[in-house]
Amino acid sequence: MGFLQSLAAALSLLSSLSSAGLFRDGIIGGHEAQPHSRPYMAYLVVQRDKVAGCGGFLIREDFVVTAAHCAGRKLYVLLGAHALKKQESSRQVLDVQKQFPHEDYSEENLENDIMLLKLQTNATLNQFVEPLALAQEGEEDPRERAQCLVSGWGSADADGENHLSELQEVNVTVVGRKRCDRDWRGGITDNMICTQARRGPCVGDSGSPLVCGGKAYGIVSFSTNPCNLRGFPHVYTRISTYQPWISKIISAN
C-alpha cells in the first residue's frame, strides 16, 4: 500500500474513531499541549476486530516505541499531528512494516509491555517530527517525587465523556517502586516505574512516553478503570531495562 492510500485509510479510520466515540480515556488532570511542542509523539491506529487507538513515540526515523498490548492485525503510525480531527499539513501517515512485541510479554500481568514498530518508510524529520532520546541501560530512575511529563490524545475525564482530539499533557510525580507495589498489593516489578494517582494517563494513552529531563524513562502500561482511582499509581514499562533488547531488534532490522 502506497503512502497516499495509507493516508486515506488512516484518515478514514480516524473518522471512524471519532464517530464511534473512541477518543476517550485520555490524559486526566492535564491541559492541551502547545501545538507541535512534542514532535516525538505518535498516534497509532490499530486494526483489530474493532479499531482502537494507542500512543507511541519516535526514537529513530525508522522505529517507533509503544506498548506490547497495542499490537494488532494492522497498524498505521501518525506523526507530526496535534489535532487528530483536523487536516494538518505537518502530519505523516506511515505503514508499519513489522511489529516486534517483546517475546516475554505477559497479557496476564503486563510484564515486558514494550513493542518496537519498524516503519515501512522512514519518517521525514523536521520541526514537527523528531525522535526522543531514551534512558540508557544502567541509568538511574527518576528520583521519588521527581516531576515528569506524559502526553497523549483522548478525553479529559476518566469516564471518557469529554472527547478531545488535541494532544493533551500533564505533569506527573514519580512514586517509589516499593510504595507502588504496596499500593497495588503486589505485581510491581523492577521492570516498571510508577507515578502518583489522580493525574496522568489512561487507556487511550497506552504506549505514550513518560518523559523526565528530556528523555523517555517509561512507556504507559496500565492503571485502574476508571483511571483516576485514589491510591493506585499509574504504571509504566521501565525503558532502561530493555535497552539491550531494543538495540538487538534495531541492529537486526
C-alpha atoms as a PDB file:
ATOM      1  CA  MET A   1       0.000   0.000   0.000  1.00  0.00           C
ATOM      2  CA  GLY A   2       1.411   3.371  -1.023  1.00  0.00           C
ATOM      3  CA  PHE A   3       1.625   6.489   1.088  1.00  0.00           C
ATOM      4  CA  LEU A   4      -1.469   8.170  -0.378  1.00  0.00           C
ATOM      5  CA  GLN A   5      -3.539   5.022   0.117  1.00  0.00           C
ATOM      6  CA  SER A   6      -2.218   4.740   3.665  1.00  0.00           C
ATOM      7  CA  LEU A   7      -3.123   8.354   4.301  1.00  0.00           C
ATOM      8  CA  ALA A   8      -6.677   7.869   3.024  1.00  0.00           C
ATOM      9  CA  ALA A   9      -7.116   4.661   5.013  1.00  0.00           C
ATOM     10  CA  ALA A  10      -5.753   6.153   8.217  1.00  0.00           C
ATOM     11  CA  LEU A  11      -7.896   9.285   7.952  1.00  0.00           C
ATOM     12  CA  SER A  12     -10.932   7.093   7.327  1.00  0.00           C
ATOM     13  CA  LEU A  13     -10.112   5.085  10.440  1.00  0.00           C
ATOM     14  CA  LEU A  14      -9.592   8.256  12.457  1.00  0.00           C
ATOM     15  CA  SER A  15     -13.008   9.446  11.314  1.00  0.00           C
ATOM     16  CA  SER A  16     -14.483   6.133  12.444  1.00  0.00           C
ATOM     17  CA  LEU A  17     -12.807   6.519  15.816  1.00  0.00           C
ATOM     18  CA  SER A  18     -14.302   9.965  16.224  1.00  0.00           C
ATOM     19  CA  SER A  19     -17.839   8.948  15.260  1.00  0.00           C
ATOM     20  CA  ALA A  20     -17.634   5.838  17.440  1.00  0.00           C
ATOM     21  CA  GLY A  21     -16.590   7.901  20.464  1.00  0.00           C
ATOM     22  CA  LEU A  22     -13.267   6.122  20.836  1.00  0.00           C
ATOM     23  CA  PHE A  23     -11.304   9.316  21.623  1.00  0.00           C
ATOM     24  CA  ARG A  24     -11.691   8.547  25.303  1.00  0.00           C
ATOM     25  CA  ASP A  25      -9.831   7.648  28.475  1.00  0.00           C
ATOM     26  CA  GLY A  26      -7.007  10.053  27.784  1.00  0.00           C
ATOM     27  CA  ILE A  27      -4.868  12.389  29.888  1.00  0.00           C
ATOM     28  CA  ILE A  28      -6.507  13.063  33.262  1.00  0.00           C
ATOM     29  CA  GLY A  29      -5.969  16.401  35.012  1.00  0.00           C
ATOM     30  CA  GLY A  30      -3.885  17.932  32.249  1.00  0.00           C
ATOM     31  CA  HIS A  31      -4.227  20.576  29.554  1.00  0.00           C
ATOM     32  CA  GLU A  32      -3.804  20.988  25.814  1.00  0.00           C
ATOM     33  CA  ALA A  33      -0.172  20.927  24.754  1.00  0.00           C
ATOM     34  CA  GLN A  34       1.320  23.784  22.782  1.00  0.00           C
ATOM     35  CA  PRO A  35       0.805  22.644  19.169  1.00  0.00           C
ATOM     36  CA  HIS A  36       3.742  20.580  17.890  1.00  0.00           C
ATOM     37  CA  SER A  37       5.754  21.070  21.083  1.00  0.00           C
ATOM     38  CA  ARG A  38       6.116  17.264  21.468  1.00  0.00           C
ATOM     39  CA  PRO A  39       7.373  16.328  17.985  1.00  0.00           C
ATOM     40  CA  TYR A  40       8.263  12.793  19.072  1.00  0.00           C
ATOM     41  CA  MET A  41       4.630  11.847  19.726  1.00  0.00           C
ATOM     42  CA  ALA A  42       2.946   9.234  17.546  1.00  0.00           C
ATOM     43  CA  TYR A  43      -0.702   8.247  17.351  1.00  0.00           C
ATOM     44  CA  LEU A  44      -1.299   4.608  16.416  1.00  0.00           C
ATOM     45  CA  VAL A  45      -4.408   3.499  14.567  1.00  0.00           C
ATOM     46  CA  VAL A  46      -4.750  -0.185  15.490  1.00  0.00           C
ATOM     47  CA  GLN A  47      -6.874  -2.517  13.371  1.00  0.00           C
ATOM     48  CA  ARG A  48      -8.347  -5.399  15.363  1.00  0.00           C
ATOM     49  CA  ASP A  49     -11.939  -6.673  15.407  1.00  0.00           C
ATOM     50  CA  LYS A  50     -12.658  -3.037  16.260  1.00  0.00           C
ATOM     51  CA  VAL A  51     -10.478  -0.027  15.503  1.00  0.00           C
ATOM     52  CA  ALA A  52      -8.509   1.159  18.543  1.00  0.00           C
ATOM     53  CA  GLY A  53      -6.017   3.912  19.285  1.00  0.00           C
ATOM     54  CA  CYS A  54      -2.721   3.953  21.183  1.00  0.00           C
ATOM     55  CA  GLY A  55       0.147   6.323  21.798  1.00  0.00           C
ATOM     56  CA  GLY A  56       3.762   5.838  20.849  1.00  0.00           C
ATOM     57  CA  PHE A  57       6.935   7.810  20.209  1.00  0.00           C
ATOM     58  CA  LEU A  58       9.592   8.066  17.539  1.00  0.00           C
ATOM     59  CA  ILE A  59      13.121   7.013  18.552  1.00  0.00           C
ATOM     60  CA  ARG A  60      14.682   6.903  15.063  1.00  0.00           C
ATOM     61  CA  GLU A  61      13.469   7.850  11.627  1.00  0.00           C
ATOM     62  CA  ASP A  62      12.510   4.191  11.102  1.00  0.00           C
ATOM     63  CA  PHE A  63      11.380   2.977  14.566  1.00  0.00           C
ATOM     64  CA  VAL A  64       8.570   3.817  16.979  1.00  0.00           C
ATOM     65  CA  VAL A  65       8.223   2.539  20.559  1.00  0.00           C
ATOM     66  CA  THR A  66       4.864   1.649  22.097  1.00  0.00           C
ATOM     67  CA  ALA A  67       3.287  -0.874  24.487  1.00  0.00           C
ATOM     68  CA  ALA A  68       3.068  -4.560  23.549  1.00  0.00           C
ATOM     69  CA  HIS A  69      -0.646  -4.606  24.344  1.00  0.00           C
ATOM     70  CA  CYS A  70      -1.152  -2.169  21.429  1.00  0.00           C
ATOM     71  CA  ALA A  71      -0.391  -4.874  18.849  1.00  0.00           C
ATOM     72  CA  GLY A  72      -2.957  -5.501  16.112  1.00  0.00           C
ATOM     73  CA  ARG A  73      -3.504  -7.035  12.689  1.00  0.00           C
ATOM     74  CA  LYS A  74      -2.529  -3.763  11.019  1.00  0.00           C
ATOM     75  CA  LEU A  75      -1.099  -0.532  12.402  1.00  0.00           C
ATOM     76  CA  TYR A  76      -0.798   2.961  10.967  1.00  0.00           C
ATOM     77  CA  VAL A  77       1.537   5.490  12.592  1.00  0.00           C
ATOM     78  CA  LEU A  78       0.538   9.144  12.570  1.00  0.00           C
ATOM     79  CA  LEU A  79       3.408  11.593  13.174  1.00  0.00           C
ATOM     80  CA  GLY A  80       3.528  15.390  13.228  1.00  0.00           C
ATOM     81  CA  ALA A  81      -0.068  15.695  14.434  1.00  0.00           C
ATOM     82  CA  HIS A  82      -1.673  17.920  17.043  1.00  0.00           C
ATOM     83  CA  ALA A  83      -5.427  17.830  16.358  1.00  0.00           C
ATOM     84  CA  LEU A  84      -6.447  14.403  15.082  1.00  0.00           C
ATOM     85  CA  LYS A  85      -9.720  15.609  13.590  1.00  0.00           C
ATOM     86  CA  LYS A  86      -8.086  18.351  11.503  1.00  0.00           C
ATOM     87  CA  GLN A  87      -6.277  18.121   8.187  1.00  0.00           C
ATOM     88  CA  GLU A  88      -2.766  19.246   9.135  1.00  0.00           C
ATOM     89  CA  SER A  89      -0.049  19.666   6.520  1.00  0.00           C
ATOM     90  CA  SER A  90       2.531  18.668   9.150  1.00  0.00           C
ATOM     91  CA  ARG A  91       1.221  15.120   9.582  1.00  0.00           C
ATOM     92  CA  GLN A  92       2.836  11.991   8.185  1.00  0.00           C
ATOM     93  CA  VAL A  93       0.931   8.695   7.979  1.00  0.00           C
ATOM     94  CA  LEU A  94       3.201   5.662   7.705  1.00  0.00           C
ATOM     95  CA  ASP A  95       2.634   1.922   7.382  1.00  0.00           C
ATOM     96  CA  VAL A  96       4.244  -0.428   9.884  1.00  0.00           C
ATOM     97  CA  GLN A  97       6.470  -2.972   8.156  1.00  0.00           C
ATOM     98  CA  LYS A  98       6.759  -5.232  11.205  1.00  0.00           C
ATOM     99  CA  GLN A  99       5.667  -5.310  14.840  1.00  0.00           C
ATOM    100  CA  PHE A 100       8.149  -6.509  17.469  1.00  0.00           C
ATOM    101  CA  PRO A 101       6.297  -7.133  20.756  1.00  0.00           C
ATOM    102  CA  HIS A 102       8.638  -8.363  23.487  1.00  0.00           C
ATOM    103  CA  GLU A 103       8.853 -12.144  23.304  1.00  0.00           C
ATOM    104  CA  ASP A 104       8.193 -12.451  27.054  1.00  0.00           C
ATOM    105  CA  TYR A 105       5.242 -10.064  27.166  1.00  0.00           C
ATOM    106  CA  SER A 106       2.522 -11.299  29.532  1.00  0.00           C
ATOM    107  CA  GLU A 107      -1.106 -10.348  28.907  1.00  0.00           C
ATOM    108  CA  GLU A 108      -1.906 -11.518  32.428  1.00  0.00           C
ATOM    109  CA  ASN A 109       0.288  -9.111  34.402  1.00  0.00           C
ATOM    110  CA  LEU A 110       1.576  -6.793  31.611  1.00  0.00           C
ATOM    111  CA  GLU A 111       5.187  -7.667  32.367  1.00  0.00           C
ATOM    112  CA  ASN A 112       7.541  -6.730  29.485  1.00  0.00           C
ATOM    113  CA  ASP A 113       4.874  -4.456  27.986  1.00  0.00           C
ATOM    114  CA  ILE A 114       7.020  -2.991  25.220  1.00  0.00           C
ATOM    115  CA  MET A 115       6.931  -3.179  21.428  1.00  0.00           C
ATOM    116  CA  LEU A 116       9.039  -1.759  18.610  1.00  0.00           C
ATOM    117  CA  LEU A 117       7.474  -0.825  15.280  1.00  0.00           C
ATOM    118  CA  LYS A 118       9.636  -0.882  12.164  1.00  0.00           C
ATOM    119  CA  LEU A 119       8.245   1.682   9.727  1.00  0.00           C
ATOM    120  CA  GLN A 120       7.696   0.736   6.085  1.00  0.00           C
ATOM    121  CA  THR A 121       9.294   4.024   5.015  1.00  0.00           C
ATOM    122  CA  ASN A 122      11.429   6.388   7.047  1.00  0.00           C
ATOM    123  CA  ALA A 123       9.793   9.368   8.688  1.00  0.00           C
ATOM    124  CA  THR A 124      10.838  12.765   7.368  1.00  0.00           C
ATOM    125  CA  LEU A 125      12.483  14.567  10.280  1.00  0.00           C
ATOM    126  CA  ASN A 126      11.635  18.252  10.622  1.00  0.00           C
ATOM    127  CA  GLN A 127      10.347  20.730  13.226  1.00  0.00           C
ATOM    128  CA  PHE A 128       7.141  18.681  13.583  1.00  0.00           C
ATOM    129  CA  VAL A 129       8.695  15.200  13.684  1.00  0.00           C
ATOM    130  CA  GLU A 130      11.749  14.473  15.829  1.00  0.00           C
ATOM    131  CA  PRO A 131      12.980  11.400  17.737  1.00  0.00           C
ATOM    132  CA  LEU A 132      13.042  11.238  21.534  1.00  0.00           C
ATOM    133  CA  ALA A 133      16.122  10.166  23.498  1.00  0.00           C
ATOM    134  CA  LEU A 134      15.837   7.081  25.719  1.00  0.00           C
ATOM    135  CA  ALA A 135      17.119   6.319  29.201  1.00  0.00           C
ATOM    136  CA  GLN A 136      20.167   4.074  28.832  1.00  0.00           C
ATOM    137  CA  GLU A 137      20.927   0.690  30.356  1.00  0.00           C
ATOM    138  CA  GLY A 138      22.041   1.118  33.969  1.00  0.00           C
ATOM    139  CA  GLU A 139      20.806   4.705  34.151  1.00  0.00           C
ATOM    140  CA  GLU A 140      19.147   5.562  37.451  1.00  0.00           C
ATOM    141  CA  ASP A 141      15.390   6.019  37.535  1.00  0.00           C
ATOM    142  CA  PRO A 142      13.977   9.485  38.181  1.00  0.00           C
ATOM    143  CA  ARG A 143      14.086  10.105  41.917  1.00  0.00           C
ATOM    144  CA  GLU A 144      10.959   9.761  44.008  1.00  0.00           C
ATOM    145  CA  ARG A 145       8.778  12.913  43.751  1.00  0.00           C
ATOM    146  CA  ALA A 146      10.524  13.933  40.515  1.00  0.00           C
ATOM    147  CA  GLN A 147       8.284  15.803  38.081  1.00  0.00           C
ATOM    148  CA  CYS A 148       7.879  14.196  34.658  1.00  0.00           C
ATOM    149  CA  LEU A 149       5.560  14.675  31.681  1.00  0.00           C
ATOM    150  CA  VAL A 150       3.037  12.436  29.933  1.00  0.00           C
ATOM    151  CA  SER A 151       1.318  13.389  26.667  1.00  0.00           C
ATOM    152  CA  GLY A 152      -1.480  11.734  24.744  1.00  0.00           C
ATOM    153  CA  TRP A 153      -4.726  12.087  22.827  1.00  0.00           C
ATOM    154  CA  GLY A 154      -8.075  11.428  24.451  1.00  0.00           C
ATOM    155  CA  SER A 155     -10.677  12.755  26.850  1.00  0.00           C
ATOM    156  CA  ALA A 156     -10.029  14.979  29.836  1.00  0.00           C
ATOM    157  CA  ASP A 157     -12.108  12.877  32.246  1.00  0.00           C
ATOM    158  CA  ALA A 158     -11.822   9.315  33.491  1.00  0.00           C
ATOM    159  CA  ASP A 159     -15.236   8.267  32.163  1.00  0.00           C
ATOM    160  CA  GLY A 160     -14.448   9.281  28.576  1.00  0.00           C
ATOM    161  CA  GLU A 161     -17.347  11.701  28.159  1.00  0.00           C
ATOM    162  CA  ASN A 162     -15.326  14.786  27.168  1.00  0.00           C
ATOM    163  CA  HIS A 163     -13.878  13.731  23.831  1.00  0.00           C
ATOM    164  CA  LEU A 164     -10.881  15.732  22.645  1.00  0.00           C
ATOM    165  CA  SER A 165      -8.703  15.283  19.586  1.00  0.00           C
ATOM    166  CA  GLU A 166      -5.958  17.772  20.513  1.00  0.00           C
ATOM    167  CA  LEU A 167      -2.785  16.493  22.157  1.00  0.00           C
ATOM    168  CA  GLN A 168      -3.014  16.755  25.943  1.00  0.00           C
ATOM    169  CA  GLU A 169      -0.221  16.725  28.526  1.00  0.00           C
ATOM    170  CA  VAL A 170       0.111  16.564  32.286  1.00  0.00           C
ATOM    171  CA  ASN A 171       2.908  16.809  34.835  1.00  0.00           C
ATOM    172  CA  VAL A 172       3.128  13.682  36.977  1.00  0.00           C
ATOM    173  CA  THR A 173       5.027  12.836  40.158  1.00  0.00           C
ATOM    174  CA  VAL A 174       7.212   9.732  40.414  1.00  0.00           C
ATOM    175  CA  VAL A 175       6.344   7.218  43.145  1.00  0.00           C
ATOM    176  CA  GLY A 176       8.893   4.824  44.647  1.00  0.00           C
ATOM    177  CA  ARG A 177       8.628   1.214  43.457  1.00  0.00           C
ATOM    178  CA  LYS A 178       8.141  -0.223  46.958  1.00  0.00           C
ATOM    179  CA  ARG A 179       5.257   2.104  47.694  1.00  0.00           C
ATOM    180  CA  CYS A 180       3.749   1.408  44.271  1.00  0.00           C
ATOM    181  CA  ASP A 181       3.936  -2.349  44.853  1.00  0.00           C
ATOM    182  CA  ARG A 182       2.291  -1.919  48.254  1.00  0.00           C
ATOM    183  CA  ASP A 183      -0.499   0.218  46.818  1.00  0.00           C
ATOM    184  CA  TRP A 184      -1.158  -2.352  44.085  1.00  0.00           C
ATOM    185  CA  ARG A 185      -0.967  -5.254  46.580  1.00  0.00           C
ATOM    186  CA  GLY A 186       1.901  -6.784  44.629  1.00  0.00           C
ATOM    187  CA  GLY A 187       2.734  -7.278  40.965  1.00  0.00           C
ATOM    188  CA  ILE A 188       5.033  -4.261  40.500  1.00  0.00           C
ATOM    189  CA  THR A 189       8.461  -5.431  39.343  1.00  0.00           C
ATOM    190  CA  ASP A 190      11.877  -3.866  38.780  1.00  0.00           C
ATOM    191  CA  ASN A 191      10.866  -3.540  35.122  1.00  0.00           C
ATOM    192  CA  MET A 192       8.244  -0.908  35.969  1.00  0.00           C
ATOM    193  CA  ILE A 193       8.100   2.766  37.034  1.00  0.00           C
ATOM    194  CA  CYS A 194       5.139   4.416  38.774  1.00  0.00           C
ATOM    195  CA  THR A 195       3.632   7.887  39.150  1.00  0.00           C
ATOM    196  CA  GLN A 196       1.025   9.191  41.560  1.00  0.00           C
ATOM    197  CA  ALA A 197      -2.670   8.510  41.041  1.00  0.00           C
ATOM    198  CA  ARG A 198      -5.408  11.041  40.136  1.00  0.00           C
ATOM    199  CA  ARG A 199      -3.372  12.854  37.445  1.00  0.00           C
ATOM    200  CA  GLY A 200      -1.878  11.071  34.465  1.00  0.00           C
ATOM    201  CA  PRO A 201      -2.558   8.737  31.545  1.00  0.00           C
ATOM    202  CA  CYS A 202      -5.475   6.435  30.866  1.00  0.00           C
ATOM    203  CA  VAL A 203      -6.421   3.643  28.443  1.00  0.00           C
ATOM    204  CA  GLY A 204      -6.182   5.655  25.215  1.00  0.00           C
ATOM    205  CA  ASP A 205      -2.666   6.779  26.136  1.00  0.00           C
ATOM    206  CA  SER A 206      -1.130   3.293  26.268  1.00  0.00           C
ATOM    207  CA  GLY A 207       2.315   3.336  24.674  1.00  0.00           C
ATOM    208  CA  SER A 208       2.971   7.044  25.261  1.00  0.00           C
ATOM    209  CA  PRO A 209       6.280   8.047  26.873  1.00  0.00           C
ATOM    210  CA  LEU A 210       6.997   9.104  30.446  1.00  0.00           C
ATOM    211  CA  VAL A 211       9.437  11.967  29.799  1.00  0.00           C
ATOM    212  CA  CYS A 212      11.789  13.221  32.504  1.00  0.00           C
ATOM    213  CA  GLY A 213      14.501  15.771  31.751  1.00  0.00           C
ATOM    214  CA  GLY A 214      14.061  15.369  28.003  1.00  0.00           C
ATOM    215  CA  LYS A 215      14.376  11.555  27.966  1.00  0.00           C
ATOM    216  CA  ALA A 216      11.836   8.740  27.856  1.00  0.00           C
ATOM    217  CA  TYR A 217      12.109   6.675  31.033  1.00  0.00           C
ATOM    218  CA  GLY A 218       8.828   4.806  30.784  1.00  0.00           C
ATOM    219  CA  ILE A 219       6.029   3.616  28.490  1.00  0.00           C
ATOM    220  CA  VAL A 220       2.404   3.977  29.609  1.00  0.00           C
ATOM    221  CA  SER A 221       1.295   0.443  30.502  1.00  0.00           C
ATOM    222  CA  PHE A 222      -1.656   0.256  32.902  1.00  0.00           C
ATOM    223  CA  SER A 223      -3.764   1.931  35.576  1.00  0.00           C
ATOM    224  CA  THR A 224      -7.191   1.414  37.128  1.00  0.00           C
ATOM    225  CA  ASN A 225     -10.588   1.626  35.425  1.00  0.00           C
ATOM    226  CA  PRO A 226     -11.687   4.396  35.792  1.00  0.00           C
ATOM    227  CA  CYS A 227      -8.202   5.799  35.585  1.00  0.00           C
ATOM    228  CA  ASN A 228      -8.204   8.248  38.482  1.00  0.00           C
ATOM    229  CA  LEU A 229      -8.921   5.995  41.457  1.00  0.00           C
ATOM    230  CA  ARG A 230      -7.197   7.341  44.535  1.00  0.00           C
ATOM    231  CA  GLY A 231      -4.394   5.190  45.918  1.00  0.00           C
ATOM    232  CA  PHE A 232      -3.478   3.302  42.733  1.00  0.00           C
ATOM    233  CA  PRO A 233      -0.419   4.742  40.937  1.00  0.00           C
ATOM    234  CA  HIS A 234      -0.091   4.759  37.151  1.00  0.00           C
ATOM    235  CA  VAL A 235       2.368   2.123  35.915  1.00  0.00           C
ATOM    236  CA  TYR A 236       4.894   2.337  33.069  1.00  0.00           C
ATOM    237  CA  THR A 237       7.326  -0.083  31.454  1.00  0.00           C
ATOM    238  CA  ARG A 238      10.858   0.867  32.535  1.00  0.00           C
ATOM    239  CA  ILE A 239      12.825   1.612  29.373  1.00  0.00           C
ATOM    240  CA  SER A 240      16.389   1.315  30.717  1.00  0.00           C
ATOM    241  CA  THR A 241      15.802  -2.385  31.472  1.00  0.00           C
ATOM    242  CA  TYR A 242      15.112  -3.067  27.807  1.00  0.00           C
ATOM    243  CA  GLN A 243      17.943  -1.158  26.138  1.00  0.00           C
ATOM    244  CA  PRO A 244      19.845  -4.352  25.169  1.00  0.00           C
ATOM    245  CA  TRP A 245      16.645  -5.774  23.655  1.00  0.00           C
ATOM    246  CA  ILE A 246      15.918  -2.520  21.799  1.00  0.00           C
ATOM    247  CA  SER A 247      19.458  -2.401  20.385  1.00  0.00           C
ATOM    248  CA  LYS A 248      19.253  -6.052  19.312  1.00  0.00           C
ATOM    249  CA  ILE A 249      15.984  -5.569  17.409  1.00  0.00           C
ATOM    250  CA  ILE A 250      17.160  -2.393  15.683  1.00  0.00           C
ATOM    251  CA  SER A 251      20.538  -3.871  14.704  1.00  0.00           C
ATOM    252  CA  ALA A 252      18.861  -6.917  13.140  1.00  0.00           C
ATOM    253  CA  ASN A 253      16.320  -4.894  11.178  1.00  0.00           C
END
